[in-house]
N, C-alpha and C. Protein backbone atom coordinates (compact mmCIF):
# COMPACT_ATOMS: atom_id res chain seq x y z
N MET A 1 11.26 -15.53 -12.76
CA MET A 1 9.84 -15.24 -12.79
C MET A 1 9.11 -16.28 -13.65
N ASN A 2 8.11 -16.90 -13.07
CA ASN A 2 7.32 -17.91 -13.76
C ASN A 2 6.04 -17.26 -14.31
N LYS A 3 5.98 -17.06 -15.62
CA LYS A 3 4.87 -16.32 -16.21
C LYS A 3 3.53 -17.03 -16.00
N GLU A 4 3.56 -18.36 -16.02
CA GLU A 4 2.31 -19.09 -15.81
C GLU A 4 1.80 -18.86 -14.38
N ASN A 5 2.72 -18.82 -13.42
CA ASN A 5 2.35 -18.54 -12.03
C ASN A 5 1.79 -17.12 -11.91
N VAL A 6 2.44 -16.18 -12.60
CA VAL A 6 1.95 -14.80 -12.57
C VAL A 6 0.54 -14.71 -13.13
N LYS A 7 0.30 -15.37 -14.25
CA LYS A 7 -1.03 -15.34 -14.86
C LYS A 7 -2.08 -15.99 -13.96
N ARG A 8 -1.67 -17.05 -13.26
CA ARG A 8 -2.60 -17.71 -12.32
C ARG A 8 -2.99 -16.76 -11.20
N ILE A 9 -2.01 -16.05 -10.65
CA ILE A 9 -2.29 -15.11 -9.55
C ILE A 9 -3.11 -13.93 -10.06
N MET A 10 -2.82 -13.47 -11.27
CA MET A 10 -3.61 -12.38 -11.84
C MET A 10 -5.07 -12.79 -11.97
N GLU A 11 -5.32 -14.02 -12.37
CA GLU A 11 -6.69 -14.52 -12.48
C GLU A 11 -7.34 -14.62 -11.09
N GLU A 12 -6.55 -15.10 -10.13
CA GLU A 12 -7.05 -15.27 -8.77
C GLU A 12 -7.40 -13.94 -8.12
N THR A 13 -6.71 -12.88 -8.53
CA THR A 13 -6.89 -11.57 -7.91
C THR A 13 -7.56 -10.58 -8.85
N LYS A 14 -8.29 -11.08 -9.82
CA LYS A 14 -8.83 -10.19 -10.87
C LYS A 14 -9.87 -9.22 -10.34
N ASN A 15 -10.45 -9.49 -9.18
CA ASN A 15 -11.48 -8.60 -8.64
C ASN A 15 -10.93 -7.58 -7.65
N VAL A 16 -9.61 -7.55 -7.47
CA VAL A 16 -8.98 -6.55 -6.60
C VAL A 16 -7.88 -5.87 -7.40
N ASN A 17 -7.36 -4.79 -6.85
CA ASN A 17 -6.23 -4.09 -7.47
C ASN A 17 -4.94 -4.75 -7.01
N LEU A 18 -4.23 -5.34 -7.94
CA LEU A 18 -2.98 -6.03 -7.63
C LEU A 18 -1.82 -5.05 -7.75
N VAL A 19 -1.14 -4.81 -6.62
CA VAL A 19 0.05 -3.97 -6.59
C VAL A 19 1.25 -4.90 -6.39
N VAL A 20 2.15 -4.92 -7.33
CA VAL A 20 3.33 -5.76 -7.20
C VAL A 20 4.40 -5.01 -6.40
N ALA A 21 4.82 -5.61 -5.29
CA ALA A 21 5.91 -5.05 -4.49
C ALA A 21 7.21 -5.31 -5.24
N SER A 22 7.74 -4.27 -5.84
CA SER A 22 8.81 -4.45 -6.83
C SER A 22 10.21 -4.40 -6.25
N LYS A 23 10.34 -4.59 -4.95
CA LYS A 23 11.68 -4.55 -4.36
C LYS A 23 12.54 -5.72 -4.85
N TYR A 24 11.90 -6.77 -5.35
CA TYR A 24 12.65 -7.92 -5.86
C TYR A 24 12.99 -7.78 -7.34
N LEU A 25 12.54 -6.69 -7.97
CA LEU A 25 12.66 -6.55 -9.42
C LEU A 25 13.54 -5.38 -9.80
N ASP A 26 14.26 -5.52 -10.91
CA ASP A 26 14.87 -4.35 -11.53
C ASP A 26 13.89 -3.79 -12.56
N SER A 27 14.30 -2.75 -13.27
CA SER A 27 13.38 -2.11 -14.21
C SER A 27 12.94 -3.05 -15.32
N ASN A 28 13.83 -3.92 -15.78
CA ASN A 28 13.46 -4.88 -16.82
C ASN A 28 12.40 -5.86 -16.32
N GLY A 29 12.52 -6.28 -15.07
CA GLY A 29 11.52 -7.17 -14.49
C GLY A 29 10.15 -6.51 -14.39
N ILE A 30 10.15 -5.23 -14.05
CA ILE A 30 8.89 -4.48 -13.99
C ILE A 30 8.26 -4.40 -15.37
N LEU A 31 9.07 -4.13 -16.37
CA LEU A 31 8.54 -4.04 -17.73
C LEU A 31 8.02 -5.39 -18.22
N GLU A 32 8.66 -6.47 -17.78
CA GLU A 32 8.19 -7.79 -18.16
C GLU A 32 6.79 -8.06 -17.59
N LEU A 33 6.58 -7.66 -16.33
CA LEU A 33 5.26 -7.83 -15.73
C LEU A 33 4.24 -6.89 -16.37
N LYS A 34 4.68 -5.70 -16.72
CA LYS A 34 3.77 -4.76 -17.37
C LYS A 34 3.29 -5.31 -18.72
N SER A 35 4.16 -6.04 -19.40
CA SER A 35 3.77 -6.63 -20.68
C SER A 35 2.67 -7.68 -20.50
N LEU A 36 2.53 -8.19 -19.27
CA LEU A 36 1.48 -9.17 -18.97
C LEU A 36 0.19 -8.50 -18.51
N GLY A 37 0.25 -7.18 -18.34
CA GLY A 37 -0.97 -6.45 -17.97
C GLY A 37 -0.98 -5.86 -16.58
N ILE A 38 0.14 -5.92 -15.86
CA ILE A 38 0.23 -5.34 -14.52
C ILE A 38 0.80 -3.93 -14.62
N CYS A 39 0.08 -2.96 -14.08
CA CYS A 39 0.53 -1.56 -14.17
C CYS A 39 0.84 -0.94 -12.81
N ASN A 40 0.38 -1.56 -11.72
CA ASN A 40 0.56 -1.02 -10.38
C ASN A 40 1.76 -1.65 -9.70
N PHE A 41 2.73 -0.81 -9.32
CA PHE A 41 3.94 -1.29 -8.66
C PHE A 41 4.20 -0.47 -7.41
N GLY A 42 4.66 -1.16 -6.36
CA GLY A 42 4.89 -0.49 -5.09
C GLY A 42 6.30 -0.68 -4.59
N GLU A 43 6.90 0.40 -4.13
CA GLU A 43 8.23 0.35 -3.53
C GLU A 43 8.14 0.70 -2.05
N ASN A 44 9.08 0.16 -1.29
CA ASN A 44 9.10 0.47 0.15
C ASN A 44 10.39 1.15 0.60
N ARG A 45 11.30 1.44 -0.36
CA ARG A 45 12.52 2.17 -0.02
C ARG A 45 12.67 3.33 -0.99
N THR A 46 12.98 4.49 -0.45
CA THR A 46 13.01 5.69 -1.29
C THR A 46 14.10 5.63 -2.34
N ASP A 47 15.28 5.17 -1.98
CA ASP A 47 16.39 5.16 -2.94
C ASP A 47 16.08 4.25 -4.13
N ALA A 48 15.55 3.06 -3.84
CA ALA A 48 15.20 2.13 -4.91
C ALA A 48 14.09 2.70 -5.77
N PHE A 49 13.11 3.33 -5.12
CA PHE A 49 12.02 3.92 -5.88
C PHE A 49 12.52 4.99 -6.84
N LEU A 50 13.36 5.90 -6.35
CA LEU A 50 13.82 7.01 -7.18
C LEU A 50 14.60 6.52 -8.40
N LYS A 51 15.39 5.47 -8.21
CA LYS A 51 16.16 4.92 -9.32
C LYS A 51 15.23 4.34 -10.39
N LYS A 52 14.27 3.53 -9.95
CA LYS A 52 13.35 2.91 -10.90
C LYS A 52 12.41 3.93 -11.53
N TYR A 53 12.03 4.93 -10.76
CA TYR A 53 11.16 5.97 -11.31
C TYR A 53 11.84 6.67 -12.49
N GLU A 54 13.10 7.01 -12.31
CA GLU A 54 13.81 7.70 -13.39
C GLU A 54 13.95 6.81 -14.63
N GLU A 55 14.17 5.53 -14.40
CA GLU A 55 14.35 4.60 -15.52
C GLU A 55 13.03 4.30 -16.25
N LEU A 56 11.90 4.46 -15.53
CA LEU A 56 10.62 4.01 -16.08
C LEU A 56 9.58 5.11 -16.18
N LYS A 57 9.99 6.36 -16.07
CA LYS A 57 8.99 7.43 -15.91
C LYS A 57 8.14 7.66 -17.15
N ASP A 58 8.54 7.13 -18.29
CA ASP A 58 7.72 7.28 -19.49
C ASP A 58 7.01 5.98 -19.88
N LYS A 59 6.92 5.03 -18.96
CA LYS A 59 6.40 3.70 -19.29
C LYS A 59 4.98 3.45 -18.78
N GLY A 60 4.32 4.46 -18.26
CA GLY A 60 2.93 4.29 -17.84
C GLY A 60 2.76 3.49 -16.56
N ILE A 61 3.76 3.55 -15.68
CA ILE A 61 3.67 2.84 -14.39
C ILE A 61 2.82 3.65 -13.42
N VAL A 62 1.94 2.99 -12.69
CA VAL A 62 1.23 3.61 -11.57
C VAL A 62 2.01 3.25 -10.31
N TRP A 63 2.59 4.28 -9.67
CA TRP A 63 3.49 4.04 -8.55
C TRP A 63 2.79 4.18 -7.21
N HIS A 64 3.01 3.18 -6.37
CA HIS A 64 2.51 3.16 -4.99
C HIS A 64 3.72 3.14 -4.07
N PHE A 65 3.71 3.97 -3.04
CA PHE A 65 4.73 3.82 -2.00
C PHE A 65 4.09 3.05 -0.87
N ILE A 66 4.64 1.85 -0.59
CA ILE A 66 3.96 0.92 0.31
C ILE A 66 4.70 0.69 1.62
N GLY A 67 5.89 1.29 1.76
CA GLY A 67 6.63 1.13 3.00
C GLY A 67 6.49 2.36 3.89
N HIS A 68 7.14 2.31 5.03
CA HIS A 68 7.16 3.46 5.93
C HIS A 68 7.94 4.58 5.26
N LEU A 69 7.32 5.73 5.09
CA LEU A 69 7.97 6.85 4.41
C LEU A 69 8.57 7.78 5.46
N GLN A 70 9.89 7.76 5.53
CA GLN A 70 10.59 8.60 6.50
C GLN A 70 10.38 10.07 6.12
N THR A 71 10.10 10.88 7.12
CA THR A 71 9.77 12.27 6.84
C THR A 71 10.95 13.03 6.25
N ASN A 72 12.17 12.62 6.57
CA ASN A 72 13.33 13.33 6.02
C ASN A 72 13.58 13.00 4.55
N LYS A 73 12.90 11.98 4.02
CA LYS A 73 13.05 11.62 2.62
C LYS A 73 11.77 11.82 1.81
N ALA A 74 10.71 12.22 2.49
CA ALA A 74 9.40 12.28 1.85
C ALA A 74 9.37 13.25 0.68
N LYS A 75 10.03 14.39 0.81
CA LYS A 75 9.98 15.40 -0.24
C LYS A 75 10.50 14.88 -1.58
N ASP A 76 11.41 13.90 -1.51
CA ASP A 76 11.99 13.37 -2.74
C ASP A 76 11.02 12.55 -3.56
N VAL A 77 10.01 11.98 -2.90
CA VAL A 77 9.13 11.03 -3.61
C VAL A 77 7.69 11.52 -3.77
N LEU A 78 7.28 12.49 -3.00
CA LEU A 78 5.85 12.79 -2.92
C LEU A 78 5.24 13.26 -4.23
N ASN A 79 5.99 13.89 -5.08
CA ASN A 79 5.44 14.33 -6.36
C ASN A 79 5.66 13.33 -7.49
N LYS A 80 6.15 12.15 -7.12
CA LYS A 80 6.41 11.12 -8.13
C LYS A 80 5.50 9.90 -7.96
N ILE A 81 4.78 9.81 -6.86
CA ILE A 81 3.93 8.65 -6.60
C ILE A 81 2.47 8.99 -6.85
N ASP A 82 1.70 7.94 -7.10
CA ASP A 82 0.26 8.09 -7.32
C ASP A 82 -0.55 7.75 -6.08
N TYR A 83 -0.02 6.85 -5.25
CA TYR A 83 -0.69 6.42 -4.03
C TYR A 83 0.33 6.28 -2.91
N LEU A 84 -0.08 6.64 -1.70
CA LEU A 84 0.72 6.38 -0.50
C LEU A 84 -0.08 5.45 0.40
N HIS A 85 0.49 4.31 0.73
CA HIS A 85 -0.22 3.30 1.53
C HIS A 85 0.11 3.37 3.01
N SER A 86 0.89 4.34 3.44
CA SER A 86 1.44 4.28 4.80
C SER A 86 1.42 5.63 5.51
N LEU A 87 0.34 6.38 5.35
CA LEU A 87 0.21 7.63 6.10
C LEU A 87 -0.05 7.30 7.57
N ASP A 88 0.87 7.72 8.42
CA ASP A 88 0.76 7.31 9.83
C ASP A 88 1.06 8.42 10.82
N SER A 89 1.23 9.65 10.35
CA SER A 89 1.53 10.74 11.28
C SER A 89 1.10 12.07 10.70
N LEU A 90 0.79 13.01 11.59
CA LEU A 90 0.46 14.36 11.15
C LEU A 90 1.69 15.08 10.63
N LYS A 91 2.86 14.70 11.10
CA LYS A 91 4.09 15.28 10.58
C LYS A 91 4.22 14.98 9.08
N LEU A 92 3.94 13.73 8.70
CA LEU A 92 3.99 13.36 7.29
C LEU A 92 2.88 14.08 6.52
N ALA A 93 1.70 14.21 7.10
CA ALA A 93 0.61 14.93 6.44
C ALA A 93 1.00 16.38 6.18
N ASN A 94 1.70 17.00 7.13
CA ASN A 94 2.18 18.37 6.95
C ASN A 94 3.14 18.48 5.77
N ILE A 95 4.01 17.50 5.64
CA ILE A 95 4.98 17.52 4.53
C ILE A 95 4.26 17.33 3.20
N ILE A 96 3.26 16.44 3.18
CA ILE A 96 2.46 16.28 1.97
C ILE A 96 1.81 17.60 1.58
N GLU A 97 1.24 18.27 2.57
CA GLU A 97 0.54 19.53 2.32
C GLU A 97 1.47 20.60 1.74
N LYS A 98 2.68 20.64 2.24
CA LYS A 98 3.62 21.67 1.81
C LYS A 98 4.34 21.30 0.51
N THR A 99 4.48 20.01 0.23
CA THR A 99 5.34 19.55 -0.88
C THR A 99 4.56 19.15 -2.11
N ARG A 100 3.45 18.51 -1.92
CA ARG A 100 2.71 17.90 -3.03
C ARG A 100 2.07 18.98 -3.91
N LYS A 101 2.20 18.82 -5.21
CA LYS A 101 1.61 19.77 -6.16
C LYS A 101 0.13 19.48 -6.39
N GLU A 102 -0.25 18.21 -6.32
CA GLU A 102 -1.64 17.81 -6.52
C GLU A 102 -2.10 16.99 -5.32
N ILE A 103 -3.38 16.75 -5.25
CA ILE A 103 -3.93 15.93 -4.16
C ILE A 103 -3.35 14.52 -4.25
N LEU A 104 -2.97 13.96 -3.12
CA LEU A 104 -2.39 12.62 -3.06
C LEU A 104 -3.38 11.64 -2.44
N LYS A 105 -3.63 10.55 -3.13
CA LYS A 105 -4.51 9.51 -2.60
C LYS A 105 -3.74 8.72 -1.54
N CYS A 106 -4.29 8.66 -0.34
CA CYS A 106 -3.57 8.06 0.80
C CYS A 106 -4.41 7.00 1.49
N PHE A 107 -3.73 5.95 1.92
CA PHE A 107 -4.28 5.00 2.88
C PHE A 107 -3.68 5.33 4.25
N VAL A 108 -4.50 5.39 5.26
CA VAL A 108 -3.99 5.53 6.62
C VAL A 108 -3.60 4.15 7.12
N GLU A 109 -2.35 4.02 7.56
CA GLU A 109 -1.88 2.76 8.10
C GLU A 109 -2.36 2.62 9.54
N VAL A 110 -3.03 1.51 9.83
CA VAL A 110 -3.60 1.28 11.15
C VAL A 110 -2.87 0.11 11.82
N HIS A 111 -2.45 0.33 13.04
CA HIS A 111 -1.75 -0.68 13.84
C HIS A 111 -2.82 -1.57 14.48
N MET A 112 -2.99 -2.78 13.94
CA MET A 112 -4.08 -3.65 14.38
C MET A 112 -3.61 -4.79 15.29
N THR A 113 -2.31 -4.93 15.49
CA THR A 113 -1.79 -6.02 16.31
C THR A 113 -1.03 -5.46 17.51
N ASN A 114 -0.49 -6.35 18.32
CA ASN A 114 0.23 -5.92 19.52
C ASN A 114 1.73 -5.78 19.29
N SER A 115 2.17 -5.90 18.05
CA SER A 115 3.60 -5.85 17.76
C SER A 115 4.17 -4.47 18.02
N SER A 116 5.35 -4.44 18.63
CA SER A 116 6.03 -3.16 18.87
C SER A 116 6.84 -2.73 17.66
N THR A 117 6.92 -3.59 16.63
CA THR A 117 7.75 -3.27 15.46
C THR A 117 6.95 -2.66 14.32
N LYS A 118 5.65 -2.68 14.44
CA LYS A 118 4.81 -2.17 13.36
C LYS A 118 4.60 -0.66 13.50
N ASN A 119 4.54 0.01 12.34
CA ASN A 119 4.14 1.41 12.33
C ASN A 119 2.63 1.48 12.23
N GLY A 120 2.11 2.68 12.30
CA GLY A 120 0.67 2.85 12.10
C GLY A 120 0.00 3.57 13.25
N VAL A 121 -1.20 4.05 12.95
CA VAL A 121 -2.02 4.73 13.94
C VAL A 121 -2.74 3.68 14.78
N LEU A 122 -2.73 3.85 16.08
CA LEU A 122 -3.46 2.92 16.95
C LEU A 122 -4.96 3.05 16.71
N LYS A 123 -5.65 1.93 16.86
CA LYS A 123 -7.10 1.94 16.61
C LYS A 123 -7.81 3.01 17.44
N GLU A 124 -7.38 3.14 18.70
CA GLU A 124 -8.05 4.09 19.58
C GLU A 124 -7.76 5.55 19.23
N ASP A 125 -6.74 5.77 18.40
CA ASP A 125 -6.40 7.13 17.99
C ASP A 125 -6.91 7.47 16.59
N LEU A 126 -7.54 6.49 15.93
CA LEU A 126 -7.91 6.66 14.53
C LEU A 126 -8.94 7.76 14.34
N ASP A 127 -9.91 7.85 15.22
CA ASP A 127 -10.97 8.83 15.08
C ASP A 127 -10.40 10.25 15.06
N SER A 128 -9.57 10.58 16.03
CA SER A 128 -9.00 11.93 16.09
C SER A 128 -8.03 12.17 14.94
N PHE A 129 -7.29 11.13 14.53
CA PHE A 129 -6.34 11.27 13.43
C PHE A 129 -7.07 11.60 12.12
N LEU A 130 -8.13 10.88 11.84
CA LEU A 130 -8.88 11.13 10.61
C LEU A 130 -9.52 12.52 10.62
N ASN A 131 -9.96 12.95 11.79
CA ASN A 131 -10.53 14.30 11.89
C ASN A 131 -9.49 15.37 11.62
N GLU A 132 -8.28 15.16 12.12
CA GLU A 132 -7.20 16.11 11.87
C GLU A 132 -6.84 16.16 10.39
N LEU A 133 -6.88 15.01 9.73
CA LEU A 133 -6.49 14.96 8.32
C LEU A 133 -7.45 15.75 7.42
N LYS A 134 -8.66 16.01 7.89
CA LYS A 134 -9.62 16.78 7.11
C LYS A 134 -9.14 18.21 6.87
N LYS A 135 -8.18 18.66 7.65
CA LYS A 135 -7.66 20.02 7.52
C LYS A 135 -6.69 20.16 6.36
N TYR A 136 -6.24 19.03 5.80
CA TYR A 136 -5.19 19.06 4.78
C TYR A 136 -5.80 18.90 3.39
N GLU A 137 -5.66 19.92 2.56
CA GLU A 137 -6.28 19.90 1.24
C GLU A 137 -5.60 18.94 0.28
N LYS A 138 -4.31 18.67 0.48
CA LYS A 138 -3.57 17.81 -0.45
C LYS A 138 -3.66 16.32 -0.07
N VAL A 139 -4.24 16.02 1.06
CA VAL A 139 -4.36 14.64 1.53
C VAL A 139 -5.78 14.14 1.29
N GLU A 140 -5.90 13.14 0.42
CA GLU A 140 -7.20 12.51 0.20
C GLU A 140 -7.15 11.10 0.78
N VAL A 141 -7.82 10.91 1.90
CA VAL A 141 -7.84 9.59 2.53
C VAL A 141 -8.87 8.74 1.79
N ILE A 142 -8.36 7.71 1.09
CA ILE A 142 -9.28 6.85 0.33
C ILE A 142 -9.57 5.54 1.04
N GLY A 143 -8.76 5.20 2.07
CA GLY A 143 -8.97 3.93 2.75
C GLY A 143 -7.98 3.69 3.86
N LEU A 144 -7.97 2.45 4.34
CA LEU A 144 -7.10 2.04 5.43
C LEU A 144 -6.18 0.92 4.98
N MET A 145 -5.03 0.84 5.62
CA MET A 145 -4.05 -0.22 5.34
C MET A 145 -3.60 -0.85 6.65
N THR A 146 -3.32 -2.14 6.60
CA THR A 146 -2.71 -2.80 7.75
C THR A 146 -1.90 -4.01 7.30
N MET A 147 -1.11 -4.53 8.25
CA MET A 147 -0.34 -5.75 8.02
C MET A 147 -0.53 -6.69 9.20
N THR A 148 -0.47 -7.98 8.93
CA THR A 148 -0.56 -8.98 9.99
C THR A 148 0.84 -9.38 10.44
N GLU A 149 0.88 -10.29 11.42
CA GLU A 149 2.14 -10.79 11.95
C GLU A 149 2.42 -12.18 11.36
N PRO A 150 3.69 -12.49 11.08
CA PRO A 150 4.03 -13.79 10.49
C PRO A 150 3.57 -14.98 11.33
N GLU A 151 3.59 -14.81 12.65
CA GLU A 151 3.27 -15.94 13.53
C GLU A 151 1.77 -16.15 13.70
N GLN A 152 0.95 -15.27 13.19
CA GLN A 152 -0.49 -15.43 13.33
C GLN A 152 -1.01 -16.55 12.44
N THR A 153 -2.05 -17.22 12.91
CA THR A 153 -2.71 -18.25 12.11
C THR A 153 -3.55 -17.58 11.01
N LYS A 154 -3.97 -18.38 10.05
CA LYS A 154 -4.84 -17.86 8.99
C LYS A 154 -6.12 -17.27 9.57
N GLU A 155 -6.66 -17.92 10.59
CA GLU A 155 -7.88 -17.42 11.22
C GLU A 155 -7.64 -16.08 11.92
N GLU A 156 -6.49 -15.95 12.57
CA GLU A 156 -6.17 -14.69 13.24
C GLU A 156 -5.95 -13.57 12.23
N LYS A 157 -5.31 -13.89 11.11
CA LYS A 157 -5.09 -12.88 10.07
C LYS A 157 -6.42 -12.45 9.46
N LEU A 158 -7.31 -13.41 9.23
CA LEU A 158 -8.61 -13.08 8.68
C LEU A 158 -9.37 -12.15 9.62
N LYS A 159 -9.25 -12.38 10.92
CA LYS A 159 -9.93 -11.51 11.89
C LYS A 159 -9.36 -10.09 11.84
N VAL A 160 -8.04 -9.96 11.72
CA VAL A 160 -7.43 -8.64 11.60
C VAL A 160 -8.00 -7.90 10.39
N PHE A 161 -8.08 -8.60 9.27
CA PHE A 161 -8.58 -7.98 8.05
C PHE A 161 -10.07 -7.61 8.16
N ASN A 162 -10.84 -8.51 8.78
CA ASN A 162 -12.26 -8.20 8.96
C ASN A 162 -12.45 -7.01 9.90
N ASP A 163 -11.62 -6.93 10.93
CA ASP A 163 -11.70 -5.80 11.85
C ASP A 163 -11.36 -4.49 11.13
N LEU A 164 -10.38 -4.53 10.24
CA LEU A 164 -10.03 -3.32 9.48
C LEU A 164 -11.19 -2.93 8.56
N ARG A 165 -11.83 -3.93 7.96
CA ARG A 165 -12.98 -3.64 7.09
C ARG A 165 -14.09 -2.95 7.88
N GLU A 166 -14.31 -3.41 9.10
CA GLU A 166 -15.34 -2.78 9.93
C GLU A 166 -14.98 -1.33 10.26
N LEU A 167 -13.71 -1.07 10.49
CA LEU A 167 -13.27 0.30 10.74
C LEU A 167 -13.49 1.17 9.50
N ALA A 168 -13.14 0.64 8.35
CA ALA A 168 -13.32 1.39 7.12
C ALA A 168 -14.80 1.71 6.90
N TYR A 169 -15.65 0.74 7.18
CA TYR A 169 -17.09 0.94 7.03
C TYR A 169 -17.58 2.04 7.99
N LYS A 170 -17.05 2.01 9.20
CA LYS A 170 -17.44 3.01 10.20
C LYS A 170 -17.16 4.43 9.72
N TYR A 171 -16.04 4.59 9.03
CA TYR A 171 -15.64 5.94 8.57
C TYR A 171 -15.97 6.18 7.10
N ASP A 172 -16.78 5.30 6.53
CA ASP A 172 -17.23 5.45 5.14
C ASP A 172 -16.06 5.56 4.17
N LEU A 173 -15.06 4.71 4.38
CA LEU A 173 -13.90 4.65 3.49
C LEU A 173 -14.03 3.42 2.61
N LYS A 174 -13.83 3.59 1.31
CA LYS A 174 -14.16 2.54 0.35
C LYS A 174 -13.02 1.54 0.11
N GLU A 175 -11.78 1.96 0.33
CA GLU A 175 -10.64 1.13 -0.08
C GLU A 175 -9.95 0.48 1.11
N LEU A 176 -9.46 -0.74 0.88
CA LEU A 176 -8.73 -1.49 1.90
C LEU A 176 -7.46 -2.06 1.29
N SER A 177 -6.32 -1.60 1.76
CA SER A 177 -5.03 -2.13 1.30
C SER A 177 -4.54 -3.12 2.35
N MET A 178 -4.67 -4.41 2.03
CA MET A 178 -4.28 -5.43 3.00
C MET A 178 -4.08 -6.74 2.27
N GLY A 179 -3.12 -7.50 2.78
CA GLY A 179 -2.80 -8.77 2.17
C GLY A 179 -1.51 -8.73 1.40
N MET A 180 -0.60 -9.65 1.75
CA MET A 180 0.66 -9.80 1.05
C MET A 180 0.82 -11.27 0.65
N SER A 181 2.02 -11.67 0.28
CA SER A 181 2.19 -13.01 -0.30
C SER A 181 1.69 -14.13 0.62
N ASP A 182 1.84 -13.97 1.93
CA ASP A 182 1.48 -15.05 2.86
C ASP A 182 0.02 -15.03 3.28
N ASP A 183 -0.68 -13.94 3.02
CA ASP A 183 -2.05 -13.85 3.56
C ASP A 183 -3.03 -13.16 2.61
N TYR A 184 -2.69 -13.09 1.33
CA TYR A 184 -3.59 -12.36 0.42
C TYR A 184 -4.93 -13.07 0.24
N GLN A 185 -4.94 -14.39 0.39
CA GLN A 185 -6.22 -15.10 0.23
C GLN A 185 -7.19 -14.74 1.36
N GLU A 186 -6.65 -14.61 2.56
CA GLU A 186 -7.48 -14.17 3.69
C GLU A 186 -7.95 -12.73 3.47
N ALA A 187 -7.06 -11.90 2.92
CA ALA A 187 -7.43 -10.50 2.66
C ALA A 187 -8.56 -10.42 1.63
N ILE A 188 -8.49 -11.25 0.61
CA ILE A 188 -9.56 -11.26 -0.40
C ILE A 188 -10.89 -11.68 0.24
N LYS A 189 -10.84 -12.68 1.13
CA LYS A 189 -12.06 -13.10 1.83
C LYS A 189 -12.66 -11.96 2.64
N ALA A 190 -11.79 -11.07 3.14
CA ALA A 190 -12.25 -9.94 3.96
C ALA A 190 -12.53 -8.70 3.11
N HIS A 191 -12.58 -8.88 1.78
CA HIS A 191 -12.96 -7.82 0.84
C HIS A 191 -11.90 -6.73 0.70
N ALA A 192 -10.63 -7.12 0.67
CA ALA A 192 -9.58 -6.18 0.32
C ALA A 192 -9.85 -5.62 -1.07
N THR A 193 -9.47 -4.37 -1.30
CA THR A 193 -9.58 -3.80 -2.64
C THR A 193 -8.21 -3.60 -3.29
N TYR A 194 -7.16 -3.58 -2.47
CA TYR A 194 -5.78 -3.54 -2.96
C TYR A 194 -4.99 -4.59 -2.19
N ILE A 195 -4.22 -5.42 -2.91
CA ILE A 195 -3.31 -6.35 -2.25
C ILE A 195 -1.91 -6.10 -2.79
N ARG A 196 -0.91 -6.35 -1.94
CA ARG A 196 0.47 -6.01 -2.27
C ARG A 196 1.29 -7.30 -2.28
N LEU A 197 1.59 -7.79 -3.48
CA LEU A 197 2.28 -9.07 -3.61
C LEU A 197 3.68 -8.88 -4.17
N GLY A 198 4.66 -9.50 -3.51
CA GLY A 198 6.03 -9.41 -3.99
C GLY A 198 6.62 -10.77 -4.30
N ARG A 199 7.04 -11.45 -3.28
CA ARG A 199 7.78 -12.71 -3.43
C ARG A 199 7.02 -13.74 -4.27
N ILE A 200 5.71 -13.86 -4.04
CA ILE A 200 4.94 -14.91 -4.72
C ILE A 200 4.80 -14.61 -6.22
N ILE A 201 4.94 -13.36 -6.59
CA ILE A 201 4.89 -12.96 -8.01
C ILE A 201 6.26 -13.03 -8.67
N CYS A 202 7.26 -12.62 -7.92
CA CYS A 202 8.58 -12.36 -8.53
C CYS A 202 9.48 -13.59 -8.60
N PHE A 203 9.13 -14.67 -7.88
CA PHE A 203 9.99 -15.85 -7.88
C PHE A 203 9.23 -17.09 -8.36
């Protein structure tokens, strides 16, 4: 980890919420970044999250779950996280409603590209999905999340992010979780409020 590089990125992203994707870090690495002023960390695998959560539960970490949350493992993590960035099904919303002790801040993951490998709610289904989520008292939809494709150009990625921003505006949602190590600069241009950086921070 290059501390000068980390400080440069922190300065570059000072107007957004920086979530470090901590899959590349052990607990000591997380604490090292926290000593520099980073408090938001995101995991995308339940087993790794649970291990780090137990090791760091008294350290003031704000935990984000940023990967696809399998419904058969959701109960293990739902009362330990502060934010969920990947709400993509009513089945998961049901589990949140039954399991969560307090209201959970959620981003709805939106499928904005033609990839068959991406999770998320299709744009054409978003209206009905958001309406259904209003029935769940433990689910607080604070914004939308999406991911781009590696093969897309910077201009294409920027368009994806701008399109997501327009959707968020349509539904009066204030937060946008978008942008990772390869495209966070485009996400910032499109007014992301949360970016998820892993490799570019950790190496």
